């Protein structure tokens, strides 16, 4: 795959400030709720740093907003995301990259991601917002996913859905694995 651009720092900074102010909490309180350092949060709101998927998910859960609301810029009337483009966020614990393709409008509450994974490490995800559901379709390679007691193995064209509000994992079983993930939020 192509070289990875930096995360969308200006978008993340503006979104964090907007959402933190919406719920009327301080930097200190949001950092505490998300389990991250206040200095890290301050840097992110200033548009510096290199946030991981885990940090942004923790902030989304603490703010009770979908991950997409923190990384996606406002939509133009016609939107195209070319292969290798879009806001790409890497995991700090696994060969896992998520690219947000589309977030749902407020009434739809769904986000679409392209996931790229490589074998050798497992991406363990904490629980997302309550009653969220993940829908996954594998495009290439093989993938083991789901909540720990109910992991399933998928190949190209296979689909699975599972609760996103419990800890779960993603593990590539073949090089060049990619899948489309649709996050559904109630």
Protein backbone atom coordinates (compact mmCIF):
# COMPACT_ATOMS: atom_id res chain seq x y z
CA UNK A 1 0.00 0.00 0.00
CA UNK A 2 1.09 3.62 -0.37
CA UNK A 3 2.96 5.74 2.17
CA UNK A 4 0.71 6.91 4.96
CA UNK A 5 -0.14 10.59 5.28
CA UNK A 6 -0.24 12.15 8.72
CA UNK A 7 -3.51 11.85 10.64
CA UNK A 8 -5.93 14.75 10.01
CA UNK A 9 -4.57 16.81 12.93
CA UNK A 10 -6.44 20.06 12.27
CA UNK A 11 -9.74 18.18 11.95
CA UNK A 12 -9.04 16.20 15.14
CA UNK A 13 -8.08 19.36 17.06
CA UNK A 14 -11.24 21.22 16.06
CA UNK A 15 -13.46 18.21 16.72
CA UNK A 16 -12.00 17.58 20.19
CA UNK A 17 -12.52 21.20 21.20
CA UNK A 18 -16.04 21.26 19.74
CA UNK A 19 -17.13 18.00 21.40
CA UNK A 20 -15.48 18.80 24.74
CA UNK A 21 -17.21 22.18 24.81
CA UNK A 22 -20.51 20.56 23.79
CA UNK A 23 -20.47 18.39 26.92
CA UNK A 24 -19.03 21.29 28.95
CA UNK A 25 -16.04 19.56 30.53
CA UNK A 26 -12.47 20.69 31.12
CA UNK A 27 -9.33 19.29 29.50
CA UNK A 28 -8.47 17.72 32.84
CA UNK A 29 -11.84 15.97 33.14
CA UNK A 30 -11.82 14.67 29.56
CA UNK A 31 -8.26 13.37 29.96
CA UNK A 32 -9.30 11.60 33.18
CA UNK A 33 -12.38 10.02 31.57
CA UNK A 34 -10.37 8.86 28.54
CA UNK A 35 -7.44 7.60 30.62
CA UNK A 36 -4.87 9.74 28.81
CA UNK A 37 -2.46 12.42 29.96
CA UNK A 38 -3.79 15.98 30.08
CA UNK A 39 -0.66 17.10 28.19
CA UNK A 40 -1.48 14.64 25.38
CA UNK A 41 -5.03 15.97 25.12
CA UNK A 42 -3.78 19.56 25.19
CA UNK A 43 -1.36 18.80 22.33
CA UNK A 44 -4.13 17.13 20.30
CA UNK A 45 -6.44 20.13 20.77
CA UNK A 46 -3.55 22.33 19.61
CA UNK A 47 -3.15 20.28 16.43
CA UNK A 48 0.15 18.61 17.34
CA UNK A 49 0.97 15.04 18.19
CA UNK A 50 0.35 11.74 16.49
CA UNK A 51 -2.81 10.21 17.98
CA UNK A 52 -3.30 6.46 17.76
CA UNK A 53 -6.55 4.64 17.06
CA UNK A 54 -6.66 3.66 20.72
CA UNK A 55 -6.32 7.25 21.96
CA UNK A 56 -9.02 8.54 19.61
CA UNK A 57 -11.41 5.68 20.47
CA UNK A 58 -10.91 6.38 24.18
CA UNK A 59 -11.70 10.06 23.60
CA UNK A 60 -14.76 9.19 21.52
CA UNK A 61 -16.08 6.89 24.25
CA UNK A 62 -15.39 9.53 26.92
CA UNK A 63 -17.25 12.14 24.83
CA UNK A 64 -19.99 9.64 23.85
CA UNK A 65 -19.45 10.27 20.13
CA UNK A 66 -18.50 7.94 17.27
CA UNK A 67 -14.81 7.80 16.37
CA UNK A 68 -15.67 9.31 12.98
CA UNK A 69 -16.84 12.56 14.53
CA UNK A 70 -13.25 13.15 15.69
CA UNK A 71 -11.46 12.48 12.39
CA UNK A 72 -13.74 13.35 9.48
CA UNK A 73 -13.75 16.83 7.97
CA UNK A 74 -17.08 18.40 6.89
CA UNK A 75 -18.53 16.78 3.74
CA UNK A 76 -18.67 18.46 0.34
CA UNK A 77 -21.75 17.83 -1.86
CA UNK A 78 -19.96 15.10 -3.89
CA UNK A 79 -17.34 13.09 -2.07
CA UNK A 80 -14.78 10.71 -3.55
CA UNK A 81 -12.11 8.92 -1.54
CA UNK A 82 -9.41 7.57 -3.84
CA UNK A 83 -7.50 4.42 -2.92
CA UNK A 84 -4.74 5.34 -0.49
CA UNK A 85 -6.36 8.68 0.46
CA UNK A 86 -8.60 9.70 3.34
CA UNK A 87 -7.92 10.12 7.05
CA UNK A 88 -5.73 7.11 7.95
CA UNK A 89 -5.09 6.28 11.58
CA UNK A 90 -2.63 3.57 12.65
CA UNK A 91 -2.80 1.36 15.71
CA UNK A 92 0.10 1.58 18.13
CA UNK A 93 -0.23 -2.11 19.03
CA UNK A 94 -0.73 -3.93 15.71
CA UNK A 95 -0.21 -3.68 11.95
CA UNK A 96 -3.66 -2.14 11.59
CA UNK A 97 -4.71 0.99 9.72
CA UNK A 98 -8.25 2.33 9.55
CA UNK A 99 -9.31 4.82 6.89
CA UNK A 100 -12.62 6.56 7.45
CA UNK A 101 -14.54 6.49 4.16
CA UNK A 102 -17.83 7.96 5.37
CA UNK A 103 -19.59 8.77 8.60
CA UNK A 104 -23.31 8.62 8.97
CA UNK A 105 -25.46 11.69 9.39
CA UNK A 106 -26.93 12.17 12.86
CA UNK A 107 -30.13 10.25 12.05
CA UNK A 108 -28.31 7.29 10.42
CA UNK A 109 -25.47 6.82 12.93
CA UNK A 110 -23.16 4.70 10.80
CA UNK A 111 -19.54 5.08 9.76
CA UNK A 112 -17.66 3.23 6.99
CA UNK A 113 -13.95 2.39 7.23
CA UNK A 114 -11.41 0.60 5.07
CA UNK A 115 -9.16 -1.54 7.29
CA UNK A 116 -5.71 -2.71 6.23
CA UNK A 117 -4.08 -5.38 8.37
CA UNK A 118 -0.94 -7.50 8.29
CA UNK A 119 -0.26 -10.77 10.12
CA UNK A 120 1.93 -10.92 13.19
CA UNK A 121 0.10 -8.71 15.66
CA UNK A 122 -3.43 -8.57 16.99
CA UNK A 123 -5.44 -5.33 17.20
CA UNK A 124 -7.38 -5.52 20.46
CA UNK A 125 -10.20 -2.99 20.68
CA UNK A 126 -11.87 -1.78 23.84
CA UNK A 127 -15.67 -1.55 23.97
CA UNK A 128 -17.13 1.31 21.90
CA UNK A 129 -20.33 3.23 22.62
CA UNK A 130 -23.26 1.26 24.04
CA UNK A 131 -25.27 -0.87 21.59
CA UNK A 132 -22.81 -0.28 18.72
CA UNK A 133 -22.55 -3.06 16.12
CA UNK A 134 -19.67 -3.75 13.74
CA UNK A 135 -20.32 -5.12 10.26
CA UNK A 136 -17.26 -6.44 8.39
CA UNK A 137 -16.80 -7.62 4.78
CA UNK A 138 -13.36 -8.99 3.82
CA UNK A 139 -12.01 -7.81 0.45
CA UNK A 140 -8.71 -9.77 0.39
CA UNK A 141 -6.73 -12.06 2.68
CA UNK A 142 -8.06 -13.75 5.80
CA UNK A 143 -9.22 -12.18 9.03
CA UNK A 144 -10.05 -13.45 12.53
CA UNK A 145 -12.42 -11.02 14.28
CA UNK A 146 -15.02 -10.58 16.98
CA UNK A 147 -15.44 -10.72 20.74
CA UNK A 148 -12.93 -13.06 22.41
CA UNK A 149 -15.23 -15.99 23.15
CA UNK A 150 -16.82 -15.88 19.67
CA UNK A 151 -13.98 -15.20 17.23
CA UNK A 152 -14.75 -16.03 13.60
CA UNK A 153 -12.45 -16.50 10.63
CA UNK A 154 -13.38 -14.78 7.37
CA UNK A 155 -12.08 -14.91 3.80
CA UNK A 156 -12.67 -12.73 0.72
CA UNK A 157 -16.36 -11.84 0.36
CA UNK A 158 -17.29 -13.14 3.83
CA UNK A 159 -19.41 -10.96 6.11
CA UNK A 160 -19.78 -10.94 9.91
CA UNK A 161 -21.54 -8.69 12.41
CA UNK A 162 -20.79 -8.53 16.13
CA UNK A 163 -21.33 -6.26 19.15
CA UNK A 164 -18.92 -3.33 19.20
CA UNK A 165 -19.74 -2.46 22.80
CA UNK A 166 -17.65 -5.32 24.21
CA UNK A 167 -13.88 -5.84 23.88
CA UNK A 168 -13.05 -7.43 20.53
CA UNK A 169 -10.14 -8.06 18.21
CA UNK A 170 -8.94 -8.03 14.62
CA UNK A 171 -6.17 -10.36 13.43
CA UNK A 172 -4.88 -10.69 9.87
CA UNK A 173 -4.10 -14.28 8.92
CA UNK A 174 -2.68 -13.49 5.47
CA UNK A 175 -0.52 -10.67 4.06
CA UNK A 176 -2.37 -7.84 2.33
CA UNK A 177 -5.60 -8.37 4.24
CA UNK A 178 -8.17 -5.61 3.88
CA UNK A 179 -11.82 -5.31 4.83
CA UNK A 180 -14.63 -2.79 4.93
CA UNK A 181 -16.00 -2.05 8.39
CA UNK A 182 -19.40 -0.42 8.91
CA UNK A 183 -19.86 0.86 12.48
CA UNK A 184 -23.49 1.18 13.47
CA UNK A 185 -24.24 3.45 16.42
CA UNK A 186 -27.69 3.59 18.08
